[in-house]
Amino acid sequence: MERKIKMIWDFRGSAAQRTAEHHCIHLEEYAQEKEPGPVLTGVEVHGEFHSSAFMVVKESRVADLREILKPHRGQIYTEG
């Protein structure tokens, strides 16, 4: 089974949560148009001034998507 990677975009400031939510919409649109199979996307609020948008993809897709979507960071995704 191929590992999954959580690609993460961080946003900071008073509008961080709204910005992350908006970015997530664009990630969902991209995934529906370009990615085979279902892709998990979402928003995490880390505090009043820090939120992130994320997209979970198969590890084999990371190199290509990193060049196109330019995430700030990534981590191995574990369900649960």
C-alpha atoms as a PDB file:
ATOM      1  CA  MET A   1       0.000   0.000   0.000  1.00  0.00           C
ATOM      2  CA  GLU A   2       1.388   3.370  -1.022  1.00  0.00           C
ATOM      3  CA  ARG A   3       1.969   5.956   1.692  1.00  0.00           C
ATOM      4  CA  LYS A   4      -0.126   9.117   1.730  1.00  0.00           C
ATOM      5  CA  ILE A   5       1.361  12.568   2.152  1.00  0.00           C
ATOM      6  CA  LYS A   6      -0.401  15.572   3.630  1.00  0.00           C
ATOM      7  CA  MET A   7       0.649  18.674   1.703  1.00  0.00           C
ATOM      8  CA  ILE A   8       0.131  21.781   3.855  1.00  0.00           C
ATOM      9  CA  TRP A   9      -0.252  25.509   3.176  1.00  0.00           C
ATOM     10  CA  ASP A  10       0.091  27.740   6.255  1.00  0.00           C
ATOM     11  CA  PHE A  11      -1.643  31.087   6.670  1.00  0.00           C
ATOM     12  CA  ARG A  12      -1.017  33.569   9.453  1.00  0.00           C
ATOM     13  CA  GLY A  13      -2.646  36.757  10.636  1.00  0.00           C
ATOM     14  CA  SER A  14      -6.137  37.883  11.568  1.00  0.00           C
ATOM     15  CA  ALA A  15      -7.615  36.500   8.300  1.00  0.00           C
ATOM     16  CA  ALA A  16      -5.745  33.174   8.451  1.00  0.00           C
ATOM     17  CA  GLN A  17      -8.807  30.961   8.841  1.00  0.00           C
ATOM     18  CA  ARG A  18     -10.772  32.663   6.042  1.00  0.00           C
ATOM     19  CA  THR A  19      -7.741  32.525   3.769  1.00  0.00           C
ATOM     20  CA  ALA A  20      -7.182  28.815   4.482  1.00  0.00           C
ATOM     21  CA  GLU A  21     -10.860  28.083   3.798  1.00  0.00           C
ATOM     22  CA  HIS A  22     -10.656  29.949   0.497  1.00  0.00           C
ATOM     23  CA  HIS A  23      -7.442  28.161  -0.479  1.00  0.00           C
ATOM     24  CA  CYS A  24      -9.093  24.839   0.326  1.00  0.00           C
ATOM     25  CA  ILE A  25     -11.827  25.607  -2.227  1.00  0.00           C
ATOM     26  CA  HIS A  26      -9.143  25.978  -4.892  1.00  0.00           C
ATOM     27  CA  LEU A  27      -7.461  22.736  -3.791  1.00  0.00           C
ATOM     28  CA  GLU A  28     -10.794  20.902  -4.085  1.00  0.00           C
ATOM     29  CA  GLU A  29     -11.383  22.346  -7.555  1.00  0.00           C
ATOM     30  CA  TYR A  30      -7.888  21.312  -8.655  1.00  0.00           C
ATOM     31  CA  ALA A  31      -8.328  17.803  -7.258  1.00  0.00           C
ATOM     32  CA  GLN A  32     -11.693  17.303  -8.989  1.00  0.00           C
ATOM     33  CA  GLU A  33     -10.266  18.412 -12.315  1.00  0.00           C
ATOM     34  CA  LYS A  34      -6.761  16.919 -12.299  1.00  0.00           C
ATOM     35  CA  GLU A  35      -6.417  14.096  -9.767  1.00  0.00           C
ATOM     36  CA  PRO A  36      -7.516  10.501 -10.340  1.00  0.00           C
ATOM     37  CA  GLY A  37      -9.623   9.175  -7.510  1.00  0.00           C
ATOM     38  CA  PRO A  38     -10.763  10.853  -4.313  1.00  0.00           C
ATOM     39  CA  VAL A  39      -8.474  13.360  -2.588  1.00  0.00           C
ATOM     40  CA  LEU A  40      -8.902  14.478   1.010  1.00  0.00           C
ATOM     41  CA  THR A  41      -8.768  18.245   1.583  1.00  0.00           C
ATOM     42  CA  GLY A  42      -9.492  20.354   4.625  1.00  0.00           C
ATOM     43  CA  VAL A  43      -8.669  23.209   6.960  1.00  0.00           C
ATOM     44  CA  GLU A  44      -7.061  23.083  10.400  1.00  0.00           C
ATOM     45  CA  VAL A  45      -7.190  25.996  12.831  1.00  0.00           C
ATOM     46  CA  HIS A  46      -4.093  26.030  15.032  1.00  0.00           C
ATOM     47  CA  GLY A  47      -4.872  29.247  16.878  1.00  0.00           C
ATOM     48  CA  GLU A  48      -6.400  32.665  16.448  1.00  0.00           C
ATOM     49  CA  PHE A  49      -3.697  33.765  13.996  1.00  0.00           C
ATOM     50  CA  HIS A  50      -2.613  30.490  12.339  1.00  0.00           C
ATOM     51  CA  SER A  51      -4.613  28.170  10.100  1.00  0.00           C
ATOM     52  CA  SER A  52      -3.676  25.756   7.357  1.00  0.00           C
ATOM     53  CA  ALA A  53      -5.238  24.183   4.295  1.00  0.00           C
ATOM     54  CA  PHE A  54      -4.211  20.665   3.333  1.00  0.00           C
ATOM     55  CA  MET A  55      -4.528  18.061   0.633  1.00  0.00           C
ATOM     56  CA  VAL A  56      -3.703  14.376   1.118  1.00  0.00           C
ATOM     57  CA  VAL A  57      -2.291  12.578  -1.925  1.00  0.00           C
ATOM     58  CA  LYS A  58      -0.441   9.388  -2.776  1.00  0.00           C
ATOM     59  CA  GLU A  59       3.303   9.693  -2.327  1.00  0.00           C
ATOM     60  CA  SER A  60       3.891   9.015  -6.028  1.00  0.00           C
ATOM     61  CA  ARG A  61       2.051  12.276  -6.885  1.00  0.00           C
ATOM     62  CA  VAL A  62       3.983  14.521  -4.483  1.00  0.00           C
ATOM     63  CA  ALA A  63       6.900  15.481  -6.745  1.00  0.00           C
ATOM     64  CA  ASP A  64       4.643  16.669  -9.566  1.00  0.00           C
ATOM     65  CA  LEU A  65       2.148  18.413  -7.309  1.00  0.00           C
ATOM     66  CA  ARG A  66       4.868  20.122  -5.279  1.00  0.00           C
ATOM     67  CA  GLU A  67       6.064  21.867  -8.449  1.00  0.00           C
ATOM     68  CA  ILE A  68       2.544  22.905  -9.471  1.00  0.00           C
ATOM     69  CA  LEU A  69       0.878  23.761  -6.145  1.00  0.00           C
ATOM     70  CA  LYS A  70       3.912  24.821  -4.065  1.00  0.00           C
ATOM     71  CA  PRO A  71       2.884  23.675  -0.570  1.00  0.00           C
ATOM     72  CA  HIS A  72       4.737  25.182   2.379  1.00  0.00           C
ATOM     73  CA  ARG A  73       5.418  21.814   3.972  1.00  0.00           C
ATOM     74  CA  GLY A  74       4.349  18.184   4.063  1.00  0.00           C
ATOM     75  CA  GLN A  75       4.140  15.213   6.367  1.00  0.00           C
ATOM     76  CA  ILE A  76       3.277  11.548   6.216  1.00  0.00           C
ATOM     77  CA  TYR A  77      -0.479  11.153   6.642  1.00  0.00           C
ATOM     78  CA  THR A  78      -1.875   8.559   8.998  1.00  0.00           C
ATOM     79  CA  GLU A  79      -5.608   8.024   9.258  1.00  0.00           C
ATOM     80  CA  GLY A  80      -7.265   8.191  12.598  1.00  0.00           C
END
